[in-house]
């Protein structure tokens, strides 16, 4: 005989397991450009950009297994990742004026960046020792790890974005 086929919908997040997460990223780009008019409505430009980034991602989850007086277990995990980056590089682009104040443009930057990423993980556990040497005692442990990574990258950003500009 063939075994029965079973299907089901997997459960969603457990409401008994509190989780928290948040993040932010701030990007900054400053530069200067030299503009060359090719035609009345067509401009080529080139220049140099300085770029920066500050970002953070925070995640925390915890769970409780409570079967007192026999057992109890609480776990909490926290992970924080912080990024700092800075770079510099040339940029070139083309701008087409549709009217006196409205234009479309795109550009290709080449960036050399240096980044520092710091990740801190914290795993905390508190449990009831029901058996063994000291039954009825609570045992807690807290493990923190910090990892710092430095990297340098060279990136070419292809002109995949078409900007719409309005000048006053």
Protein backbone atom coordinates (compact mmCIF):
# COMPACT_ATOMS: atom_id res chain seq x y z
CA UNK A 1 0.00 0.00 0.00
CA UNK A 2 1.07 3.54 -0.64
CA UNK A 3 1.57 5.87 2.34
CA UNK A 4 -0.96 8.71 2.55
CA UNK A 5 0.04 12.07 1.14
CA UNK A 6 -0.02 14.81 3.73
CA UNK A 7 0.09 18.53 3.17
CA UNK A 8 -0.07 21.46 5.47
CA UNK A 9 0.69 25.11 5.92
CA UNK A 10 3.81 25.77 7.98
CA UNK A 11 3.18 27.85 11.07
CA UNK A 12 4.15 31.51 11.07
CA UNK A 13 6.39 33.13 13.64
CA UNK A 14 5.77 31.84 17.15
CA UNK A 15 4.01 34.60 19.11
CA UNK A 16 5.74 33.33 22.25
CA UNK A 17 9.17 34.13 20.77
CA UNK A 18 9.75 37.88 20.91
CA UNK A 19 11.95 39.14 18.10
CA UNK A 20 13.14 42.62 17.34
CA UNK A 21 15.06 44.00 14.41
CA UNK A 22 15.89 47.40 13.03
CA UNK A 23 18.39 48.89 10.65
CA UNK A 24 19.49 52.11 9.03
CA UNK A 25 21.86 53.16 6.27
CA UNK A 26 23.02 56.67 5.50
CA UNK A 27 24.81 57.25 2.20
CA UNK A 28 26.52 60.51 1.29
CA UNK A 29 28.05 61.55 -2.02
CA UNK A 30 29.76 64.88 -2.64
CA UNK A 31 31.72 65.94 -5.68
CA UNK A 32 32.62 68.46 -8.30
CA UNK A 33 32.08 68.34 -12.04
CA UNK A 34 33.45 69.94 -15.17
CA UNK A 35 30.78 70.37 -17.86
CA UNK A 36 31.35 70.40 -21.62
CA UNK A 37 28.52 71.41 -23.95
CA UNK A 38 28.46 69.09 -26.95
CA UNK A 39 25.26 70.47 -28.50
CA UNK A 40 22.69 72.99 -27.37
CA UNK A 41 20.78 70.34 -25.36
CA UNK A 42 23.55 67.79 -24.77
CA UNK A 43 26.20 68.08 -22.03
CA UNK A 44 29.05 65.72 -21.15
CA UNK A 45 30.50 66.04 -17.65
CA UNK A 46 33.27 64.50 -15.59
CA UNK A 47 34.51 65.00 -12.07
CA UNK A 48 35.48 63.49 -8.75
CA UNK A 49 33.20 62.15 -5.99
CA UNK A 50 33.81 61.51 -2.31
CA UNK A 51 31.43 58.90 -0.85
CA UNK A 52 30.58 57.72 2.64
CA UNK A 53 28.28 55.27 4.40
CA UNK A 54 27.20 54.66 7.97
CA UNK A 55 24.89 51.74 8.68
CA UNK A 56 23.69 49.43 11.39
CA UNK A 57 21.61 46.26 11.58
CA UNK A 58 20.29 45.03 14.94
CA UNK A 59 18.46 41.73 15.52
CA UNK A 60 17.34 40.12 18.75
CA UNK A 61 15.35 36.98 19.40
CA UNK A 62 14.48 35.16 22.58
CA UNK A 63 12.47 32.16 23.69
CA UNK A 64 11.31 30.60 26.94
CA UNK A 65 10.60 26.97 27.72
CA UNK A 66 8.78 26.91 31.05
CA UNK A 67 7.84 23.58 32.59
CA UNK A 68 8.40 24.48 36.24
CA UNK A 69 9.08 22.93 38.67
CA UNK A 70 10.85 20.39 36.43
CA UNK A 71 12.57 22.53 33.83
CA UNK A 72 13.04 26.10 32.70
CA UNK A 73 15.13 27.49 29.87
CA UNK A 74 15.50 31.07 28.58
CA UNK A 75 17.62 31.95 25.54
CA UNK A 76 18.30 35.37 24.04
CA UNK A 77 20.44 36.06 20.97
CA UNK A 78 21.49 39.53 19.87
CA UNK A 79 23.40 40.41 16.71
CA UNK A 80 24.56 43.95 15.88
CA UNK A 81 26.44 44.78 12.68
CA UNK A 82 27.84 48.29 12.16
CA UNK A 83 29.36 49.53 8.90
CA UNK A 84 31.53 52.57 8.22
CA UNK A 85 32.78 53.17 4.68
CA UNK A 86 34.52 55.98 2.80
CA UNK A 87 35.78 56.27 -0.74
CA UNK A 88 36.73 58.41 -3.68
CA UNK A 89 36.61 58.09 -7.43
CA UNK A 90 36.08 59.68 -10.82
CA UNK A 91 32.65 60.08 -12.41
CA UNK A 92 31.53 60.73 -15.99
CA UNK A 93 28.06 61.33 -17.33
CA UNK A 94 25.82 62.72 -19.99
CA UNK A 95 22.86 65.07 -19.61
CA UNK A 96 20.11 65.80 -22.16
CA UNK A 97 17.93 68.87 -21.72
CA UNK A 98 14.29 68.33 -22.65
CA UNK A 99 13.45 71.96 -21.92
CA UNK A 100 15.18 74.93 -20.29
CA UNK A 101 14.54 73.54 -16.78
CA UNK A 102 13.94 69.79 -17.32
CA UNK A 103 16.66 67.26 -18.16
CA UNK A 104 17.55 63.57 -18.06
CA UNK A 105 21.00 62.33 -17.10
CA UNK A 106 22.96 59.22 -16.24
CA UNK A 107 26.52 58.65 -15.05
CA UNK A 108 29.23 56.07 -14.45
CA UNK A 109 31.23 56.38 -11.22
CA UNK A 110 34.36 54.37 -10.43
CA UNK A 111 34.80 54.11 -6.66
CA UNK A 112 37.67 52.94 -4.51
CA UNK A 113 36.24 52.39 -1.00
CA UNK A 114 37.51 51.31 2.38
CA UNK A 115 35.00 49.76 4.80
CA UNK A 116 35.05 48.60 8.41
CA UNK A 117 32.33 46.19 9.55
CA UNK A 118 32.02 45.29 13.22
CA UNK A 119 29.70 42.46 14.26
CA UNK A 120 28.87 41.82 17.91
CA UNK A 121 26.94 38.69 18.88
CA UNK A 122 25.63 38.04 22.38
CA UNK A 123 24.07 34.69 23.36
CA UNK A 124 22.55 34.52 26.83
CA UNK A 125 21.09 31.37 28.44
CA UNK A 126 19.44 30.90 31.82
CA UNK A 127 18.22 27.43 32.75
CA UNK A 128 17.07 25.42 35.74
CA UNK A 129 19.37 22.58 36.69
CA UNK A 130 16.83 19.88 37.69
CA UNK A 131 19.26 16.98 37.77
CA UNK A 132 22.94 16.43 38.41
CA UNK A 133 25.18 17.81 41.12
CA UNK A 134 23.08 20.76 42.30
CA UNK A 135 19.45 20.09 41.39
CA UNK A 136 17.16 23.11 41.72
CA UNK A 137 19.81 25.71 40.87
CA UNK A 138 19.75 28.14 37.99
CA UNK A 139 22.69 28.21 35.61
CA UNK A 140 23.32 31.26 33.43
CA UNK A 141 25.83 31.80 30.67
CA UNK A 142 26.55 34.82 28.50
CA UNK A 143 28.80 34.53 25.46
CA UNK A 144 29.85 37.68 23.59
CA UNK A 145 31.87 37.69 20.40
CA UNK A 146 33.15 40.67 18.42
CA UNK A 147 34.44 40.35 14.88
CA UNK A 148 35.91 43.30 12.97
CA UNK A 149 36.48 43.11 9.22
CA UNK A 150 38.25 45.70 7.07
CA UNK A 151 37.96 45.63 3.30
CA UNK A 152 38.89 47.68 0.27
CA UNK A 153 36.93 47.49 -2.97
CA UNK A 154 37.06 48.96 -6.42
CA UNK A 155 33.65 49.13 -8.09
CA UNK A 156 32.31 50.33 -11.39
CA UNK A 157 28.68 51.39 -11.15
CA UNK A 158 27.06 50.94 -14.54
CA UNK A 159 24.55 53.57 -15.69
CA UNK A 160 21.39 51.69 -14.74
CA UNK A 161 19.62 54.74 -13.31
CA UNK A 162 18.14 57.51 -15.40
CA UNK A 163 17.75 60.69 -13.35
CA UNK A 164 15.10 63.33 -13.99
CA UNK A 165 16.35 66.79 -13.01
CA UNK A 166 14.46 70.02 -12.61
CA UNK A 167 16.47 73.23 -12.24
CA UNK A 168 15.20 76.49 -10.77
